[in-house]
Amino acid sequence: MQKYITILLLLATLTVSAQNLMLDNEISIFSFTTKKGKIVSLSKDKDDEYIVYRYGTKEKIELEFPKKDKESWEKFKFNGVERHGGKENNGMAICNVMFENKNYRYILYTSYLAEADPSGNDITEIGLYVKDLITKKGFDIEGEINSQKGNLYDFRSNGLLKFEDFDLY
């Protein structure tokens, strides 16, 4: 009987954790739902032991990268730019986190552009850009802006990821 209770508790824990694509010992850094209903998640261990990217649904994680260890931090790079001043100064804030897995480059991005569209409205975008490093072809997976949790902006000052210029497209 005790064996069955342990198994049920384990399954319940895994089910709850799968809903946000995180393990119980992890904290969400940045996540969103794509326009096609997939979840993009960047999480870290509560003690900063590792960082991990996951993509999929609560039923099935399609990609998890990298192996969860201290070296995982070295596999992710950050870059970004900001200009203050709002609409009067064409203000903007752009943040990107990049990693490469096999022959693909993945870039999680957030961008805010003050008065960037013709009607004078601000533009805010989130998403994931994936580029095949052999063919040099890429595609954009747009995120639902109102599903965003967390941000990439903190990498500008928290020292967890190395700042590096890298090709976006």
C-alpha atoms as a PDB file:
ATOM      1  CA  MET A   1       0.000   0.000   0.000  1.00  0.00           C
ATOM      2  CA  GLN A   2       2.818   2.396   0.929  1.00  0.00           C
ATOM      3  CA  LYS A   3       4.415   1.694  -2.475  1.00  0.00           C
ATOM      4  CA  TYR A   4       1.241   2.774  -4.329  1.00  0.00           C
ATOM      5  CA  ILE A   5       0.915   5.975  -2.297  1.00  0.00           C
ATOM      6  CA  THR A   6       4.535   6.867  -3.103  1.00  0.00           C
ATOM      7  CA  ILE A   7       3.934   6.267  -6.808  1.00  0.00           C
ATOM      8  CA  LEU A   8       0.745   8.380  -6.783  1.00  0.00           C
ATOM      9  CA  LEU A   9       2.514  11.236  -5.019  1.00  0.00           C
ATOM     10  CA  LEU A  10       5.368  11.081  -7.517  1.00  0.00           C
ATOM     11  CA  LEU A  11       2.962  11.181 -10.471  1.00  0.00           C
ATOM     12  CA  ALA A  12       1.050  14.102  -8.958  1.00  0.00           C
ATOM     13  CA  THR A  13       4.303  16.053  -8.504  1.00  0.00           C
ATOM     14  CA  LEU A  14       5.392  15.374 -12.078  1.00  0.00           C
ATOM     15  CA  THR A  15       2.007  16.468 -13.419  1.00  0.00           C
ATOM     16  CA  VAL A  16       2.055  19.782 -11.541  1.00  0.00           C
ATOM     17  CA  SER A  17       5.648  20.448 -12.610  1.00  0.00           C
ATOM     18  CA  ALA A  18       4.904  19.679 -16.252  1.00  0.00           C
ATOM     19  CA  GLN A  19       2.283  22.440 -16.429  1.00  0.00           C
ATOM     20  CA  ASN A  20       5.002  25.103 -16.326  1.00  0.00           C
ATOM     21  CA  LEU A  21       7.796  22.912 -17.772  1.00  0.00           C
ATOM     22  CA  MET A  22       9.814  23.284 -14.559  1.00  0.00           C
ATOM     23  CA  LEU A  23      11.034  20.950 -11.878  1.00  0.00           C
ATOM     24  CA  ASP A  24      10.228  21.649  -8.229  1.00  0.00           C
ATOM     25  CA  ASN A  25      13.752  22.961  -7.566  1.00  0.00           C
ATOM     26  CA  GLU A  26      13.590  25.500 -10.426  1.00  0.00           C
ATOM     27  CA  ILE A  27      12.651  29.152 -10.794  1.00  0.00           C
ATOM     28  CA  SER A  28      11.279  30.606 -14.018  1.00  0.00           C
ATOM     29  CA  ILE A  29      13.487  33.253 -15.603  1.00  0.00           C
ATOM     30  CA  PHE A  30      11.433  33.863 -18.746  1.00  0.00           C
ATOM     31  CA  SER A  31       8.547  32.017 -20.356  1.00  0.00           C
ATOM     32  CA  PHE A  32       5.718  32.537 -22.779  1.00  0.00           C
ATOM     33  CA  THR A  33       3.189  30.680 -24.879  1.00  0.00           C
ATOM     34  CA  THR A  34       3.648  30.789 -28.642  1.00  0.00           C
ATOM     35  CA  LYS A  35       0.858  31.764 -30.988  1.00  0.00           C
ATOM     36  CA  LYS A  36       0.526  28.039 -31.790  1.00  0.00           C
ATOM     37  CA  GLY A  37       0.118  27.057 -28.135  1.00  0.00           C
ATOM     38  CA  LYS A  38       3.611  25.747 -27.302  1.00  0.00           C
ATOM     39  CA  ILE A  39       5.455  26.812 -24.154  1.00  0.00           C
ATOM     40  CA  VAL A  40       8.928  28.367 -24.298  1.00  0.00           C
ATOM     41  CA  SER A  41      10.647  28.284 -20.920  1.00  0.00           C
ATOM     42  CA  LEU A  42      14.015  29.404 -19.579  1.00  0.00           C
ATOM     43  CA  SER A  43      14.502  28.323 -15.957  1.00  0.00           C
ATOM     44  CA  LYS A  44      17.271  27.989 -13.421  1.00  0.00           C
ATOM     45  CA  ASP A  45      17.933  25.950 -10.360  1.00  0.00           C
ATOM     46  CA  LYS A  46      17.003  27.842  -7.159  1.00  0.00           C
ATOM     47  CA  ASP A  47      20.677  27.762  -6.113  1.00  0.00           C
ATOM     48  CA  ASP A  48      21.977  28.809  -9.565  1.00  0.00           C
ATOM     49  CA  GLU A  49      23.434  25.338 -10.128  1.00  0.00           C
ATOM     50  CA  TYR A  50      22.207  25.283 -13.742  1.00  0.00           C
ATOM     51  CA  ILE A  51      20.102  27.006 -16.393  1.00  0.00           C
ATOM     52  CA  VAL A  52      17.814  25.064 -18.737  1.00  0.00           C
ATOM     53  CA  TYR A  53      15.682  25.794 -21.807  1.00  0.00           C
ATOM     54  CA  ARG A  54      12.541  23.779 -22.511  1.00  0.00           C
ATOM     55  CA  TYR A  55      10.078  23.854 -25.403  1.00  0.00           C
ATOM     56  CA  GLY A  56       6.837  21.943 -25.755  1.00  0.00           C
ATOM     57  CA  THR A  57       3.542  21.436 -24.019  1.00  0.00           C
ATOM     58  CA  LYS A  58       2.615  20.348 -20.530  1.00  0.00           C
ATOM     59  CA  GLU A  59       2.034  16.897 -22.019  1.00  0.00           C
ATOM     60  CA  LYS A  60       5.323  16.649 -23.934  1.00  0.00           C
ATOM     61  CA  ILE A  61       8.628  18.505 -23.717  1.00  0.00           C
ATOM     62  CA  GLU A  62      10.007  18.486 -27.269  1.00  0.00           C
ATOM     63  CA  LEU A  63      13.404  20.011 -26.494  1.00  0.00           C
ATOM     64  CA  GLU A  64      15.346  20.370 -23.262  1.00  0.00           C
ATOM     65  CA  PHE A  65      18.817  21.910 -23.378  1.00  0.00           C
ATOM     66  CA  PRO A  66      21.453  21.492 -21.971  1.00  0.00           C
ATOM     67  CA  LYS A  67      22.354  18.881 -19.411  1.00  0.00           C
ATOM     68  CA  LYS A  68      21.522  20.240 -15.962  1.00  0.00           C
ATOM     69  CA  ASP A  69      24.958  21.006 -14.486  1.00  0.00           C
ATOM     70  CA  LYS A  70      27.145  23.999 -13.591  1.00  0.00           C
ATOM     71  CA  GLU A  71      28.608  24.139 -17.121  1.00  0.00           C
ATOM     72  CA  SER A  72      25.147  24.861 -18.547  1.00  0.00           C
ATOM     73  CA  TRP A  73      25.624  28.585 -17.837  1.00  0.00           C
ATOM     74  CA  GLU A  74      28.477  28.703 -20.357  1.00  0.00           C
ATOM     75  CA  LYS A  75      26.206  27.481 -23.160  1.00  0.00           C
ATOM     76  CA  PHE A  76      23.976  30.583 -23.067  1.00  0.00           C
ATOM     77  CA  LYS A  77      24.963  34.093 -24.157  1.00  0.00           C
ATOM     78  CA  PHE A  78      23.178  37.408 -23.686  1.00  0.00           C
ATOM     79  CA  ASN A  79      23.085  40.615 -25.644  1.00  0.00           C
ATOM     80  CA  GLY A  80      20.901  43.644 -25.606  1.00  0.00           C
ATOM     81  CA  VAL A  81      20.643  47.344 -26.185  1.00  0.00           C
ATOM     82  CA  GLU A  82      18.520  50.097 -24.747  1.00  0.00           C
ATOM     83  CA  ARG A  83      17.877  53.744 -25.455  1.00  0.00           C
ATOM     84  CA  HIS A  84      15.945  55.782 -22.939  1.00  0.00           C
ATOM     85  CA  GLY A  85      13.792  58.777 -23.705  1.00  0.00           C
ATOM     86  CA  GLY A  86      10.464  57.327 -24.809  1.00  0.00           C
ATOM     87  CA  LYS A  87       8.815  58.411 -28.041  1.00  0.00           C
ATOM     88  CA  GLU A  88      10.758  61.688 -28.189  1.00  0.00           C
ATOM     89  CA  ASN A  89      14.021  59.754 -28.481  1.00  0.00           C
ATOM     90  CA  ASN A  90      12.732  56.626 -30.243  1.00  0.00           C
ATOM     91  CA  GLY A  91      13.299  54.714 -27.014  1.00  0.00           C
ATOM     92  CA  MET A  92      13.871  50.983 -27.156  1.00  0.00           C
ATOM     93  CA  ALA A  93      14.873  47.970 -25.104  1.00  0.00           C
ATOM     94  CA  ILE A  94      15.990  44.785 -26.856  1.00  0.00           C
ATOM     95  CA  CYS A  95      17.202  41.669 -25.013  1.00  0.00           C
ATOM     96  CA  ASN A  96      18.324  38.349 -26.498  1.00  0.00           C
ATOM     97  CA  VAL A  97      19.503  35.063 -25.023  1.00  0.00           C
ATOM     98  CA  MET A  98      21.190  32.663 -27.441  1.00  0.00           C
ATOM     99  CA  PHE A  99      22.329  29.061 -27.362  1.00  0.00           C
ATOM    100  CA  GLU A 100      23.359  26.537 -29.991  1.00  0.00           C
ATOM    101  CA  ASN A 101      22.321  22.904 -30.030  1.00  0.00           C
ATOM    102  CA  LYS A 102      23.478  20.523 -32.745  1.00  0.00           C
ATOM    103  CA  ASN A 103      23.252  22.547 -35.986  1.00  0.00           C
ATOM    104  CA  TYR A 104      20.763  25.140 -34.749  1.00  0.00           C
ATOM    105  CA  ARG A 105      20.983  28.530 -33.086  1.00  0.00           C
ATOM    106  CA  TYR A 106      18.107  29.477 -30.789  1.00  0.00           C
ATOM    107  CA  ILE A 107      17.490  33.092 -29.790  1.00  0.00           C
ATOM    108  CA  LEU A 108      14.894  34.016 -27.206  1.00  0.00           C
ATOM    109  CA  TYR A 109      14.038  37.682 -27.596  1.00  0.00           C
ATOM    110  CA  THR A 110      12.061  40.563 -26.183  1.00  0.00           C
ATOM    111  CA  SER A 111      11.840  43.941 -27.821  1.00  0.00           C
ATOM    112  CA  TYR A 112      10.145  47.200 -27.007  1.00  0.00           C
ATOM    113  CA  LEU A 113      10.190  50.013 -29.538  1.00  0.00           C
ATOM    114  CA  ALA A 114       8.608  53.365 -28.678  1.00  0.00           C
ATOM    115  CA  GLU A 115       6.457  54.734 -31.496  1.00  0.00           C
ATOM    116  CA  ALA A 116       7.678  52.185 -34.004  1.00  0.00           C
ATOM    117  CA  ASP A 117       4.540  51.570 -36.010  1.00  0.00           C
ATOM    118  CA  PRO A 118       2.998  54.080 -38.484  1.00  0.00           C
ATOM    119  CA  SER A 119       0.135  54.989 -36.135  1.00  0.00           C
ATOM    120  CA  GLY A 120       2.582  56.037 -33.425  1.00  0.00           C
ATOM    121  CA  ASN A 121       1.958  53.101 -31.104  1.00  0.00           C
ATOM    122  CA  ASP A 122       4.650  51.310 -29.168  1.00  0.00           C
ATOM    123  CA  ILE A 123       5.585  47.822 -30.328  1.00  0.00           C
ATOM    124  CA  THR A 124       6.399  45.033 -27.897  1.00  0.00           C
ATOM    125  CA  GLU A 125       7.399  41.590 -29.179  1.00  0.00           C
ATOM    126  CA  ILE A 126       8.563  38.319 -27.671  1.00  0.00           C
ATOM    127  CA  GLY A 127       9.534  35.137 -29.391  1.00  0.00           C
ATOM    128  CA  LEU A 128      12.048  32.528 -30.387  1.00  0.00           C
ATOM    129  CA  TYR A 129      14.122  32.701 -33.551  1.00  0.00           C
ATOM    130  CA  VAL A 130      15.590  29.400 -34.781  1.00  0.00           C
ATOM    131  CA  LYS A 131      18.337  29.293 -37.414  1.00  0.00           C
ATOM    132  CA  ASP A 132      19.800  26.284 -39.180  1.00  0.00           C
ATOM    133  CA  LEU A 133      23.549  26.909 -39.040  1.00  0.00           C
ATOM    134  CA  ILE A 134      24.214  24.825 -42.161  1.00  0.00           C
ATOM    135  CA  THR A 135      21.600  26.211 -44.556  1.00  0.00           C
ATOM    136  CA  LYS A 136      21.572  29.652 -42.870  1.00  0.00           C
ATOM    137  CA  LYS A 137      17.756  29.620 -43.048  1.00  0.00           C
ATOM    138  CA  GLY A 138      15.739  30.597 -40.027  1.00  0.00           C
ATOM    139  CA  PHE A 139      12.211  31.059 -38.815  1.00  0.00           C
ATOM    140  CA  ASP A 140      10.495  33.078 -36.127  1.00  0.00           C
ATOM    141  CA  ILE A 141       8.161  31.606 -33.507  1.00  0.00           C
ATOM    142  CA  GLU A 142       6.111  34.521 -32.211  1.00  0.00           C
ATOM    143  CA  GLY A 143       4.992  34.654 -28.611  1.00  0.00           C
ATOM    144  CA  GLU A 144       1.734  35.856 -27.128  1.00  0.00           C
ATOM    145  CA  ILE A 145       2.794  39.038 -25.347  1.00  0.00           C
ATOM    146  CA  ASN A 146       0.174  38.713 -22.591  1.00  0.00           C
ATOM    147  CA  SER A 147       1.469  35.212 -21.706  1.00  0.00           C
ATOM    148  CA  GLN A 148       4.966  36.463 -20.828  1.00  0.00           C
ATOM    149  CA  LYS A 149       6.275  35.674 -17.361  1.00  0.00           C
ATOM    150  CA  GLY A 150       9.628  36.972 -16.199  1.00  0.00           C
ATOM    151  CA  ASN A 151      12.122  38.794 -18.394  1.00  0.00           C
ATOM    152  CA  LEU A 152      15.527  38.666 -20.044  1.00  0.00           C
ATOM    153  CA  TYR A 153      16.420  42.201 -19.001  1.00  0.00           C
ATOM    154  CA  ASP A 154      17.928  41.132 -15.664  1.00  0.00           C
ATOM    155  CA  PHE A 155      20.817  39.451 -17.487  1.00  0.00           C
ATOM    156  CA  ARG A 156      22.141  42.949 -18.214  1.00  0.00           C
ATOM    157  CA  SER A 157      23.268  43.282 -14.600  1.00  0.00           C
ATOM    158  CA  ASN A 158      23.046  39.988 -12.709  1.00  0.00           C
ATOM    159  CA  GLY A 159      26.274  38.503 -14.127  1.00  0.00           C
ATOM    160  CA  LEU A 160      24.773  35.045 -14.724  1.00  0.00           C
ATOM    161  CA  LEU A 161      25.304  35.061 -18.513  1.00  0.00           C
ATOM    162  CA  LYS A 162      28.237  36.321 -20.527  1.00  0.00           C
ATOM    163  CA  PHE A 163      27.487  39.357 -22.711  1.00  0.00           C
ATOM    164  CA  GLU A 164      28.426  38.628 -26.310  1.00  0.00           C
ATOM    165  CA  ASP A 165      27.698  40.105 -29.704  1.00  0.00           C
ATOM    166  CA  PHE A 166      26.184  37.436 -31.898  1.00  0.00           C
ATOM    167  CA  ASP A 167      24.395  37.417 -35.226  1.00  0.00           C
ATOM    168  CA  LEU A 168      20.669  37.608 -34.698  1.00  0.00           C
ATOM    169  CA  TYR A 169      19.632  36.368 -38.122  1.00  0.00           C
END
